[in-house]
Amino acid sequence: MLNYSEKSLKKAPPNTSESDVHSRISNQLQTYYNEVLTQPLPRRFEDLLKKLDENGGSEGETR
């Protein structure tokens, strides 16, 4: 049998509506997305894109 003390039990979160939760998640995701967009493209990706352009596309293409 498990014994839980009152201190070990987490308190229930305050009552929030589902739309408040969705709004908060949406705002956090938008903030994260905007931060990612402002980061520079890693040099390694630039090199890979340059190689693809030089080869005329993906390796699976036939001419």
PDB file of N, CA and C in Angstrom:
ATOM      1  N   MET A   1       0.844  -1.177   0.000  1.00  0.00           N
ATOM      2  CA  MET A   1       0.000   0.000   0.000  1.00  0.00           C
ATOM      3  C   MET A   1       0.888   1.240   0.000  1.00  0.00           C
ATOM      4  N   LEU A   2       0.536   2.207  -0.834  1.00  0.00           N
ATOM      5  CA  LEU A   2       1.300   3.428  -0.937  1.00  0.00           C
ATOM      6  C   LEU A   2       0.728   4.484  -0.015  1.00  0.00           C
ATOM      7  N   ASN A   3       1.614   5.218   0.632  1.00  0.00           N
ATOM      8  CA  ASN A   3       1.198   6.321   1.500  1.00  0.00           C
ATOM      9  C   ASN A   3       1.711   7.619   0.908  1.00  0.00           C
ATOM     10  N   TYR A   4       0.836   8.568   0.728  1.00  0.00           N
ATOM     11  CA  TYR A   4       1.227   9.875   0.209  1.00  0.00           C
ATOM     12  C   TYR A   4       0.955  10.912   1.273  1.00  0.00           C
ATOM     13  N   SER A   5       1.944  11.732   1.518  1.00  0.00           N
ATOM     14  CA  SER A   5       1.720  12.852   2.433  1.00  0.00           C
ATOM     15  C   SER A   5       1.120  14.003   1.638  1.00  0.00           C
ATOM     16  N   GLU A   6       0.515  14.921   2.307  1.00  0.00           N
ATOM     17  CA  GLU A   6      -0.082  16.064   1.619  1.00  0.00           C
ATOM     18  C   GLU A   6       0.975  16.883   0.896  1.00  0.00           C
ATOM     19  N   LYS A   7       2.178  16.934   1.418  1.00  0.00           N
ATOM     20  CA  LYS A   7       3.247  17.706   0.788  1.00  0.00           C
ATOM     21  C   LYS A   7       3.671  17.097  -0.541  1.00  0.00           C
ATOM     22  N   SER A   8       3.606  15.783  -0.662  1.00  0.00           N
ATOM     23  CA  SER A   8       4.064  15.143  -1.888  1.00  0.00           C
ATOM     24  C   SER A   8       3.048  15.223  -3.013  1.00  0.00           C
ATOM     25  N   LEU A   9       1.789  15.520  -2.683  1.00  0.00           N
ATOM     26  CA  LEU A   9       0.761  15.636  -3.703  1.00  0.00           C
ATOM     27  C   LEU A   9       0.806  17.027  -4.326  1.00  0.00           C
ATOM     28  N   LYS A  10       0.740  17.076  -5.644  1.00  0.00           N
ATOM     29  CA  LYS A  10       0.772  18.370  -6.322  1.00  0.00           C
ATOM     30  C   LYS A  10      -0.586  19.036  -6.202  1.00  0.00           C
ATOM     31  N   LYS A  11      -0.545  20.330  -6.093  1.00  0.00           N
ATOM     32  CA  LYS A  11      -1.784  21.102  -6.034  1.00  0.00           C
ATOM     33  C   LYS A  11      -2.397  21.166  -7.428  1.00  0.00           C
ATOM     34  N   ALA A  12      -3.692  21.194  -7.489  1.00  0.00           N
ATOM     35  CA  ALA A  12      -4.390  21.307  -8.767  1.00  0.00           C
ATOM     36  C   ALA A  12      -4.137  22.696  -9.342  1.00  0.00           C
ATOM     37  N   PRO A  13      -3.957  22.790 -10.673  1.00  0.00           N
ATOM     38  CA  PRO A  13      -3.745  24.110 -11.276  1.00  0.00           C
ATOM     39  C   PRO A  13      -4.994  24.958 -11.140  1.00  0.00           C
ATOM     40  N   PRO A  14      -4.831  26.266 -11.179  1.00  0.00           N
ATOM     41  CA  PRO A  14      -6.010  27.129 -11.077  1.00  0.00           C
ATOM     42  C   PRO A  14      -6.935  26.880 -12.262  1.00  0.00           C
ATOM     43  N   ASN A  15      -8.215  27.128 -12.061  1.00  0.00           N
ATOM     44  CA  ASN A  15      -9.187  26.922 -13.135  1.00  0.00           C
ATOM     45  C   ASN A  15      -8.900  27.869 -14.292  1.00  0.00           C
ATOM     46  N   THR A  16      -8.651  27.295 -15.444  1.00  0.00           N
ATOM     47  CA  THR A  16      -8.471  28.085 -16.651  1.00  0.00           C
ATOM     48  C   THR A  16      -9.328  27.464 -17.738  1.00  0.00           C
ATOM     49  N   SER A  17      -9.833  28.302 -18.582  1.00  0.00           N
ATOM     50  CA  SER A  17     -10.674  27.778 -19.650  1.00  0.00           C
ATOM     51  C   SER A  17      -9.790  27.149 -20.716  1.00  0.00           C
ATOM     52  N   GLU A  18     -10.392  26.283 -21.503  1.00  0.00           N
ATOM     53  CA  GLU A  18      -9.648  25.605 -22.567  1.00  0.00           C
ATOM     54  C   GLU A  18      -9.118  26.613 -23.576  1.00  0.00           C
ATOM     55  N   SER A  19      -9.877  27.648 -23.851  1.00  0.00           N
ATOM     56  CA  SER A  19      -9.422  28.657 -24.814  1.00  0.00           C
ATOM     57  C   SER A  19      -8.216  29.433 -24.275  1.00  0.00           C
ATOM     58  N   ASP A  20      -8.154  29.649 -22.953  1.00  0.00           N
ATOM     59  CA  ASP A  20      -6.992  30.306 -22.360  1.00  0.00           C
ATOM     60  C   ASP A  20      -5.753  29.445 -22.537  1.00  0.00           C
ATOM     61  N   VAL A  21      -5.906  28.170 -22.336  1.00  0.00           N
ATOM     62  CA  VAL A  21      -4.778  27.247 -22.484  1.00  0.00           C
ATOM     63  C   VAL A  21      -4.303  27.233 -23.927  1.00  0.00           C
ATOM     64  N   HIS A  22      -5.246  27.131 -24.873  1.00  0.00           N
ATOM     65  CA  HIS A  22      -4.883  27.124 -26.293  1.00  0.00           C
ATOM     66  C   HIS A  22      -4.214  28.433 -26.696  1.00  0.00           C
ATOM     67  N   SER A  23      -4.716  29.523 -26.172  1.00  0.00           N
ATOM     68  CA  SER A  23      -4.147  30.828 -26.478  1.00  0.00           C
ATOM     69  C   SER A  23      -2.711  30.935 -25.959  1.00  0.00           C
ATOM     70  N   ARG A  24      -2.481  30.460 -24.744  1.00  0.00           N
ATOM     71  CA  ARG A  24      -1.145  30.512 -24.162  1.00  0.00           C
ATOM     72  C   ARG A  24      -0.168  29.633 -24.956  1.00  0.00           C
ATOM     73  N   ILE A  25      -0.607  28.433 -25.305  1.00  0.00           N
ATOM     74  CA  ILE A  25       0.243  27.537 -26.087  1.00  0.00           C
ATOM     75  C   ILE A  25       0.547  28.153 -27.451  1.00  0.00           C
ATOM     76  N   SER A  26      -0.466  28.725 -28.079  1.00  0.00           N
ATOM     77  CA  SER A  26      -0.294  29.364 -29.375  1.00  0.00           C
ATOM     78  C   SER A  26       0.725  30.495 -29.304  1.00  0.00           C
ATOM     79  N   ASN A  27       0.623  31.320 -28.286  1.00  0.00           N
ATOM     80  CA  ASN A  27       1.561  32.433 -28.118  1.00  0.00           C
ATOM     81  C   ASN A  27       2.981  31.936 -27.893  1.00  0.00           C
ATOM     82  N   GLN A  28       3.134  30.901 -27.082  1.00  0.00           N
ATOM     83  CA  GLN A  28       4.464  30.365 -26.818  1.00  0.00           C
ATOM     84  C   GLN A  28       5.077  29.748 -28.073  1.00  0.00           C
ATOM     85  N   LEU A  29       4.261  29.018 -28.838  1.00  0.00           N
ATOM     86  CA  LEU A  29       4.763  28.435 -30.081  1.00  0.00           C
ATOM     87  C   LEU A  29       5.148  29.508 -31.089  1.00  0.00           C
ATOM     88  N   GLN A  30       4.354  30.563 -31.187  1.00  0.00           N
ATOM     89  CA  GLN A  30       4.661  31.653 -32.115  1.00  0.00           C
ATOM     90  C   GLN A  30       5.968  32.341 -31.715  1.00  0.00           C
ATOM     91  N   THR A  31       6.167  32.566 -30.421  1.00  0.00           N
ATOM     92  CA  THR A  31       7.404  33.172 -29.944  1.00  0.00           C
ATOM     93  C   THR A  31       8.602  32.295 -30.277  1.00  0.00           C
ATOM     94  N   TYR A  32       8.482  30.998 -30.030  1.00  0.00           N
ATOM     95  CA  TYR A  32       9.568  30.068 -30.332  1.00  0.00           C
ATOM     96  C   TYR A  32       9.854  30.055 -31.831  1.00  0.00           C
ATOM     97  N   TYR A  33       8.809  29.988 -32.652  1.00  0.00           N
ATOM     98  CA  TYR A  33       8.966  29.960 -34.103  1.00  0.00           C
ATOM     99  C   TYR A  33       9.677  31.218 -34.590  1.00  0.00           C
ATOM    100  N   ASN A  34       9.285  32.378 -34.080  1.00  0.00           N
ATOM    101  CA  ASN A  34       9.922  33.628 -34.480  1.00  0.00           C
ATOM    102  C   ASN A  34      11.400  33.662 -34.098  1.00  0.00           C
ATOM    103  N   GLU A  35      11.740  33.098 -32.952  1.00  0.00           N
ATOM    104  CA  GLU A  35      13.137  33.037 -32.546  1.00  0.00           C
ATOM    105  C   GLU A  35      13.948  32.154 -33.486  1.00  0.00           C
ATOM    106  N   VAL A  36      13.367  31.039 -33.900  1.00  0.00           N
ATOM    107  CA  VAL A  36      14.050  30.127 -34.819  1.00  0.00           C
ATOM    108  C   VAL A  36      14.270  30.813 -36.168  1.00  0.00           C
ATOM    109  N   LEU A  37      13.280  31.575 -36.629  1.00  0.00           N
ATOM    110  CA  LEU A  37      13.401  32.250 -37.923  1.00  0.00           C
ATOM    111  C   LEU A  37      14.520  33.280 -37.944  1.00  0.00           C
ATOM    112  N   THR A  38      14.815  33.870 -36.818  1.00  0.00           N
ATOM    113  CA  THR A  38      15.842  34.915 -36.778  1.00  0.00           C
ATOM    114  C   THR A  38      17.249  34.355 -36.639  1.00  0.00           C
ATOM    115  N   GLN A  39      17.372  33.060 -36.397  1.00  0.00           N
ATOM    116  CA  GLN A  39      18.696  32.463 -36.270  1.00  0.00           C
ATOM    117  C   GLN A  39      19.309  32.284 -37.655  1.00  0.00           C
ATOM    118  N   PRO A  40      20.624  32.485 -37.759  1.00  0.00           N
ATOM    119  CA  PRO A  40      21.268  32.299 -39.064  1.00  0.00           C
ATOM    120  C   PRO A  40      21.294  30.827 -39.465  1.00  0.00           C
ATOM    121  N   LEU A  41      21.323  30.596 -40.777  1.00  0.00           N
ATOM    122  CA  LEU A  41      21.402  29.247 -41.300  1.00  0.00           C
ATOM    123  C   LEU A  41      22.790  28.689 -40.984  1.00  0.00           C
ATOM    124  N   PRO A  42      22.870  27.490 -40.403  1.00  0.00           N
ATOM    125  CA  PRO A  42      24.183  26.921 -40.099  1.00  0.00           C
ATOM    126  C   PRO A  42      25.035  26.774 -41.361  1.00  0.00           C
ATOM    127  N   ARG A  43      26.315  27.012 -41.232  1.00  0.00           N
ATOM    128  CA  ARG A  43      27.258  26.942 -42.356  1.00  0.00           C
ATOM    129  C   ARG A  43      27.162  25.597 -43.071  1.00  0.00           C
ATOM    130  N   ARG A  44      27.001  24.532 -42.303  1.00  0.00           N
ATOM    131  CA  ARG A  44      26.922  23.187 -42.874  1.00  0.00           C
ATOM    132  C   ARG A  44      25.732  23.075 -43.837  1.00  0.00           C
ATOM    133  N   PHE A  45      24.599  23.672 -43.477  1.00  0.00           N
ATOM    134  CA  PHE A  45      23.429  23.643 -44.354  1.00  0.00           C
ATOM    135  C   PHE A  45      23.681  24.457 -45.619  1.00  0.00           C
ATOM    136  N   GLU A  46      24.337  25.606 -45.479  1.00  0.00           N
ATOM    137  CA  GLU A  46      24.670  26.415 -46.645  1.00  0.00           C
ATOM    138  C   GLU A  46      25.535  25.621 -47.617  1.00  0.00           C
ATOM    139  N   ASP A  47      26.510  24.901 -47.084  1.00  0.00           N
ATOM    140  CA  ASP A  47      27.391  24.089 -47.930  1.00  0.00           C
ATOM    141  C   ASP A  47      26.610  22.981 -48.636  1.00  0.00           C
ATOM    142  N   LEU A  48      25.687  22.331 -47.917  1.00  0.00           N
ATOM    143  CA  LEU A  48      24.884  21.269 -48.531  1.00  0.00           C
ATOM    144  C   LEU A  48      23.981  21.823 -49.636  1.00  0.00           C
ATOM    145  N   LEU A  49      23.364  22.968 -49.406  1.00  0.00           N
ATOM    146  CA  LEU A  49      22.511  23.582 -50.422  1.00  0.00           C
ATOM    147  C   LEU A  49      23.323  23.984 -51.650  1.00  0.00           C
ATOM    148  N   LYS A  50      24.526  24.480 -51.432  1.00  0.00           N
ATOM    149  CA  LYS A  50      25.397  24.861 -52.536  1.00  0.00           C
ATOM    150  C   LYS A  50      25.761  23.633 -53.371  1.00  0.00           C
ATOM    151  N   LYS A  51      26.053  22.506 -52.705  1.00  0.00           N
ATOM    152  CA  LYS A  51      26.375  21.268 -53.429  1.00  0.00           C
ATOM    153  C   LYS A  51      25.185  20.780 -54.244  1.00  0.00           C
ATOM    154  N   LEU A  52      23.979  20.880 -53.676  1.00  0.00           N
ATOM    155  CA  LEU A  52      22.781  20.486 -54.418  1.00  0.00           C
ATOM    156  C   LEU A  52      22.592  21.344 -55.662  1.00  0.00           C
ATOM    157  N   ASP A  53      22.810  22.644 -55.531  1.00  0.00           N
ATOM    158  CA  ASP A  53      22.688  23.532 -56.689  1.00  0.00           C
ATOM    159  C   ASP A  53      23.715  23.175 -57.763  1.00  0.00           C
ATOM    160  N   GLU A  54      24.931  22.862 -57.343  1.00  0.00           N
ATOM    161  CA  GLU A  54      25.987  22.519 -58.297  1.00  0.00           C
ATOM    162  C   GLU A  54      25.683  21.206 -59.018  1.00  0.00           C
ATOM    163  N   ASN A  55      25.042  20.257 -58.328  1.00  0.00           N
ATOM    164  CA  ASN A  55      24.720  18.963 -58.918  1.00  0.00           C
ATOM    165  C   ASN A  55      23.414  18.979 -59.681  1.00  0.00           C
ATOM    166  N   GLY A  56      22.709  20.077 -59.674  1.00  0.00           N
ATOM    167  CA  GLY A  56      21.468  20.176 -60.422  1.00  0.00           C
ATOM    168  C   GLY A  56      20.271  19.560 -59.732  1.00  0.00           C
ATOM    169  N   GLY A  57      20.291  19.381 -58.456  1.00  0.00           N
ATOM    170  CA  GLY A  57      19.142  18.837 -57.736  1.00  0.00           C
ATOM    171  C   GLY A  57      19.536  17.657 -56.897  1.00  0.00           C
ATOM    172  N   SER A  58      18.554  16.806 -56.590  1.00  0.00           N
ATOM    173  CA  SER A  58      18.818  15.668 -55.730  1.00  0.00           C
ATOM    174  C   SER A  58      19.493  14.557 -56.517  1.00  0.00           C
ATOM    175  N   GLU A  59      20.108  13.622 -55.799  1.00  0.00           N
ATOM    176  CA  GLU A  59      20.821  12.519 -56.412  1.00  0.00           C
ATOM    177  C   GLU A  59      19.894  11.580 -57.155  1.00  0.00           C
ATOM    178  N   GLY A  60      18.632  11.509 -56.762  1.00  0.00           N
ATOM    179  CA  GLY A  60      17.679  10.579 -57.353  1.00  0.00           C
ATOM    180  C   GLY A  60      17.191  11.017 -58.737  1.00  0.00           C
ATOM    181  N   GLU A  61      17.462  12.243 -59.125  1.00  0.00           N
ATOM    182  CA  GLU A  61      17.007  12.732 -60.424  1.00  0.00           C
ATOM    183  C   GLU A  61      17.859  12.172 -61.554  1.00  0.00           C
ATOM    184  N   THR A  62      17.237  11.880 -62.669  1.00  0.00           N
ATOM    185  CA  THR A  62      17.976  11.440 -63.855  1.00  0.00           C
ATOM    186  C   THR A  62      17.708  12.430 -64.967  1.00  0.00           C
ATOM    187  N   ARG A  63      18.682  12.585 -65.803  1.00  0.00           N
ATOM    188  CA  ARG A  63      18.531  13.557 -66.906  1.00  0.00           C
ATOM    189  C   ARG A  63      18.539  12.865 -68.219  1.00  0.00           C
TER     190      ARG A  63
END
